[in-house]
Amino acid sequence: MVKAFTMMKCVSKTQTRYISSKSYESLRKEFSKIQSYSQSGIKNSQYNTIWINKNNIFKKIHKNELSFYIKERMEIR
């Protein structure tokens, strides 16, 4: 957060950046809500999946494939 406020004061020859802390807080809250919605449930890339490995080879699988990999003695992470 400190870095974000520091970067708000950065200025270059072609661009001036400044945003008030109240505006920044409002934008961050809005961004948070949007991210929360877009990463929940089925929209989340990790939804209904698990990670497994065998001999340091990691693989992401769907939960419905788990029984096959248990028979292959792969570790669940």
N, C-alpha and C. Protein backbone atom coordinates (compact mmCIF):
# COMPACT_ATOMS: atom_id res chain seq x y z
N MET A 1 0.83 -1.19 0.00
CA MET A 1 0.00 0.00 0.00
C MET A 1 0.88 1.25 0.00
N VAL A 2 1.96 1.21 0.76
CA VAL A 2 2.85 2.37 0.82
C VAL A 2 3.44 2.64 -0.56
N LYS A 3 3.84 1.58 -1.25
CA LYS A 3 4.40 1.75 -2.59
C LYS A 3 3.36 2.35 -3.54
N ALA A 4 2.12 1.94 -3.42
CA ALA A 4 1.07 2.48 -4.29
C ALA A 4 0.93 3.99 -4.09
N PHE A 5 0.94 4.44 -2.84
CA PHE A 5 0.83 5.87 -2.59
C PHE A 5 2.07 6.61 -3.08
N THR A 6 3.24 5.99 -2.97
CA THR A 6 4.46 6.59 -3.47
C THR A 6 4.39 6.74 -4.98
N MET A 7 3.90 5.72 -5.66
CA MET A 7 3.82 5.75 -7.12
C MET A 7 2.80 6.78 -7.61
N MET A 8 1.83 7.14 -6.78
CA MET A 8 0.85 8.14 -7.19
C MET A 8 1.51 9.49 -7.43
N LYS A 9 2.67 9.72 -6.81
CA LYS A 9 3.35 11.01 -6.96
C LYS A 9 4.39 11.00 -8.08
N CYS A 10 4.59 9.88 -8.74
CA CYS A 10 5.58 9.80 -9.81
C CYS A 10 5.17 10.67 -11.00
N VAL A 11 6.16 11.34 -11.55
CA VAL A 11 5.91 12.22 -12.69
C VAL A 11 6.98 11.95 -13.73
N SER A 12 6.59 11.92 -14.98
CA SER A 12 7.56 11.80 -16.07
C SER A 12 7.34 12.98 -17.02
N LYS A 13 8.15 13.07 -18.06
CA LYS A 13 8.02 14.17 -19.01
C LYS A 13 6.69 14.12 -19.76
N THR A 14 6.16 12.92 -19.94
CA THR A 14 4.94 12.79 -20.74
C THR A 14 3.68 12.55 -19.90
N GLN A 15 3.85 12.31 -18.61
CA GLN A 15 2.66 11.97 -17.82
C GLN A 15 2.79 12.48 -16.39
N THR A 16 1.75 13.07 -15.90
CA THR A 16 1.69 13.46 -14.50
C THR A 16 0.66 12.56 -13.84
N ARG A 17 1.03 11.99 -12.73
CA ARG A 17 0.10 11.11 -12.04
C ARG A 17 -0.15 11.63 -10.64
N TYR A 18 -1.39 11.78 -10.35
CA TYR A 18 -1.76 12.06 -8.97
C TYR A 18 -3.22 11.69 -8.80
N ILE A 19 -3.49 11.06 -7.69
CA ILE A 19 -4.86 10.72 -7.33
C ILE A 19 -4.96 10.86 -5.82
N SER A 20 -6.03 11.41 -5.35
CA SER A 20 -6.16 11.60 -3.90
C SER A 20 -6.33 10.26 -3.21
N SER A 21 -5.99 10.22 -1.94
CA SER A 21 -6.08 8.96 -1.21
C SER A 21 -7.52 8.47 -1.11
N LYS A 22 -8.47 9.39 -1.03
CA LYS A 22 -9.89 8.98 -0.99
C LYS A 22 -10.30 8.34 -2.31
N SER A 23 -9.87 8.93 -3.41
CA SER A 23 -10.18 8.35 -4.72
C SER A 23 -9.52 6.99 -4.87
N TYR A 24 -8.27 6.91 -4.43
CA TYR A 24 -7.54 5.65 -4.52
C TYR A 24 -8.23 4.57 -3.70
N GLU A 25 -8.64 4.90 -2.50
CA GLU A 25 -9.33 3.94 -1.65
C GLU A 25 -10.62 3.45 -2.31
N SER A 26 -11.36 4.37 -2.88
CA SER A 26 -12.61 4.02 -3.56
C SER A 26 -12.35 3.08 -4.73
N LEU A 27 -11.33 3.40 -5.54
CA LEU A 27 -11.00 2.56 -6.68
C LEU A 27 -10.53 1.18 -6.25
N ARG A 28 -9.74 1.10 -5.18
CA ARG A 28 -9.26 -0.19 -4.69
C ARG A 28 -10.42 -1.05 -4.19
N LYS A 29 -11.37 -0.45 -3.50
CA LYS A 29 -12.53 -1.20 -3.01
C LYS A 29 -13.36 -1.73 -4.18
N GLU A 30 -13.54 -0.89 -5.18
CA GLU A 30 -14.30 -1.31 -6.36
C GLU A 30 -13.57 -2.45 -7.09
N PHE A 31 -12.26 -2.30 -7.25
CA PHE A 31 -11.45 -3.33 -7.88
C PHE A 31 -11.54 -4.64 -7.10
N SER A 32 -11.50 -4.54 -5.77
CA SER A 32 -11.59 -5.72 -4.90
C SER A 32 -12.90 -6.47 -5.11
N LYS A 33 -14.00 -5.73 -5.16
CA LYS A 33 -15.31 -6.36 -5.36
C LYS A 33 -15.38 -7.06 -6.71
N ILE A 34 -14.85 -6.41 -7.74
CA ILE A 34 -14.86 -6.99 -9.07
C ILE A 34 -14.03 -8.26 -9.12
N GLN A 35 -12.82 -8.22 -8.53
CA GLN A 35 -11.96 -9.39 -8.50
C GLN A 35 -12.60 -10.53 -7.71
N SER A 36 -13.22 -10.20 -6.60
CA SER A 36 -13.88 -11.21 -5.78
C SER A 36 -14.96 -11.93 -6.58
N TYR A 37 -15.76 -11.16 -7.30
CA TYR A 37 -16.81 -11.75 -8.12
C TYR A 37 -16.23 -12.59 -9.26
N SER A 38 -15.23 -12.05 -9.93
CA SER A 38 -14.71 -12.73 -11.11
C SER A 38 -13.88 -13.97 -10.78
N GLN A 39 -13.49 -14.13 -9.52
CA GLN A 39 -12.69 -15.29 -9.13
C GLN A 39 -13.45 -16.26 -8.22
N SER A 40 -14.76 -16.14 -8.16
CA SER A 40 -15.53 -17.01 -7.27
C SER A 40 -16.22 -18.14 -8.04
N GLY A 41 -16.32 -19.28 -7.37
CA GLY A 41 -17.04 -20.42 -7.95
C GLY A 41 -16.46 -20.93 -9.25
N ILE A 42 -17.31 -21.20 -10.21
CA ILE A 42 -16.92 -21.79 -11.49
C ILE A 42 -15.95 -20.88 -12.26
N LYS A 43 -16.01 -19.58 -12.03
CA LYS A 43 -15.13 -18.65 -12.75
C LYS A 43 -13.68 -18.73 -12.26
N ASN A 44 -13.45 -19.39 -11.15
CA ASN A 44 -12.10 -19.54 -10.61
C ASN A 44 -11.39 -20.68 -11.33
N SER A 45 -10.17 -20.45 -11.79
CA SER A 45 -9.43 -21.47 -12.55
C SER A 45 -9.10 -22.69 -11.70
N GLN A 46 -9.12 -22.57 -10.38
CA GLN A 46 -8.81 -23.69 -9.50
C GLN A 46 -10.07 -24.43 -9.04
N TYR A 47 -11.23 -23.96 -9.47
CA TYR A 47 -12.49 -24.56 -9.03
C TYR A 47 -12.58 -26.03 -9.43
N ASN A 48 -12.90 -26.87 -8.46
CA ASN A 48 -13.14 -28.30 -8.67
C ASN A 48 -11.90 -29.03 -9.20
N THR A 49 -10.72 -28.52 -8.88
CA THR A 49 -9.48 -29.18 -9.29
C THR A 49 -8.59 -29.38 -8.08
N ILE A 50 -7.65 -30.30 -8.21
CA ILE A 50 -6.65 -30.52 -7.17
C ILE A 50 -5.30 -30.76 -7.84
N TRP A 51 -4.25 -30.56 -7.07
CA TRP A 51 -2.90 -30.80 -7.57
C TRP A 51 -2.39 -32.13 -7.04
N ILE A 52 -1.74 -32.89 -7.90
CA ILE A 52 -1.15 -34.17 -7.51
C ILE A 52 0.30 -34.18 -7.99
N ASN A 53 1.10 -35.10 -7.43
CA ASN A 53 2.46 -35.24 -7.95
C ASN A 53 2.98 -36.65 -7.76
N LYS A 54 3.96 -36.98 -8.56
CA LYS A 54 4.66 -38.24 -8.45
C LYS A 54 6.07 -37.99 -8.98
N ASN A 55 7.05 -38.28 -8.15
CA ASN A 55 8.45 -38.05 -8.53
C ASN A 55 8.71 -36.60 -8.96
N ASN A 56 8.16 -35.69 -8.20
CA ASN A 56 8.30 -34.24 -8.47
C ASN A 56 7.73 -33.79 -9.81
N ILE A 57 6.80 -34.53 -10.35
CA ILE A 57 6.05 -34.10 -11.54
C ILE A 57 4.66 -33.71 -11.05
N PHE A 58 4.34 -32.44 -11.15
CA PHE A 58 3.08 -31.92 -10.64
C PHE A 58 2.07 -31.79 -11.76
N LYS A 59 0.81 -32.08 -11.41
CA LYS A 59 -0.25 -32.03 -12.42
C LYS A 59 -1.54 -31.57 -11.76
N LYS A 60 -2.28 -30.72 -12.44
CA LYS A 60 -3.58 -30.27 -11.96
C LYS A 60 -4.65 -31.11 -12.62
N ILE A 61 -5.52 -31.73 -11.82
CA ILE A 61 -6.57 -32.59 -12.38
C ILE A 61 -7.93 -32.18 -11.82
N HIS A 62 -8.99 -32.62 -12.48
CA HIS A 62 -10.34 -32.44 -11.96
C HIS A 62 -10.60 -33.48 -10.88
N LYS A 63 -11.42 -33.13 -9.92
CA LYS A 63 -11.69 -34.04 -8.82
C LYS A 63 -12.30 -35.36 -9.28
N ASN A 64 -13.05 -35.35 -10.37
CA ASN A 64 -13.67 -36.60 -10.84
C ASN A 64 -12.65 -37.57 -11.42
N GLU A 65 -11.41 -37.13 -11.68
CA GLU A 65 -10.35 -38.02 -12.16
C GLU A 65 -9.49 -38.57 -11.02
N LEU A 66 -9.80 -38.19 -9.79
CA LEU A 66 -8.96 -38.52 -8.65
C LEU A 66 -8.79 -40.01 -8.43
N SER A 67 -9.83 -40.79 -8.56
CA SER A 67 -9.73 -42.23 -8.30
C SER A 67 -8.69 -42.91 -9.19
N PHE A 68 -8.61 -42.49 -10.44
CA PHE A 68 -7.61 -43.04 -11.36
C PHE A 68 -6.19 -42.77 -10.84
N TYR A 69 -5.95 -41.56 -10.41
CA TYR A 69 -4.61 -41.19 -9.97
C TYR A 69 -4.26 -41.80 -8.61
N ILE A 70 -5.25 -42.05 -7.79
CA ILE A 70 -4.98 -42.75 -6.51
C ILE A 70 -4.49 -44.16 -6.80
N LYS A 71 -5.08 -44.81 -7.80
CA LYS A 71 -4.63 -46.15 -8.18
C LYS A 71 -3.19 -46.12 -8.70
N GLU A 72 -2.78 -45.00 -9.29
CA GLU A 72 -1.42 -44.85 -9.79
C GLU A 72 -0.45 -44.43 -8.67
N ARG A 73 -0.97 -44.34 -7.45
CA ARG A 73 -0.20 -43.96 -6.26
C ARG A 73 0.47 -42.59 -6.36
N MET A 74 -0.26 -41.66 -6.87
CA MET A 74 0.25 -40.28 -6.92
C MET A 74 -0.16 -39.58 -5.65
N GLU A 75 0.67 -38.66 -5.18
CA GLU A 75 0.40 -37.92 -3.96
C GLU A 75 -0.51 -36.73 -4.27
N ILE A 76 -1.42 -36.46 -3.35
CA ILE A 76 -2.34 -35.34 -3.50
C ILE A 76 -1.78 -34.16 -2.72
N ARG A 77 -1.74 -33.00 -3.35
CA ARG A 77 -1.22 -31.78 -2.69
C ARG A 77 -2.34 -30.83 -2.40
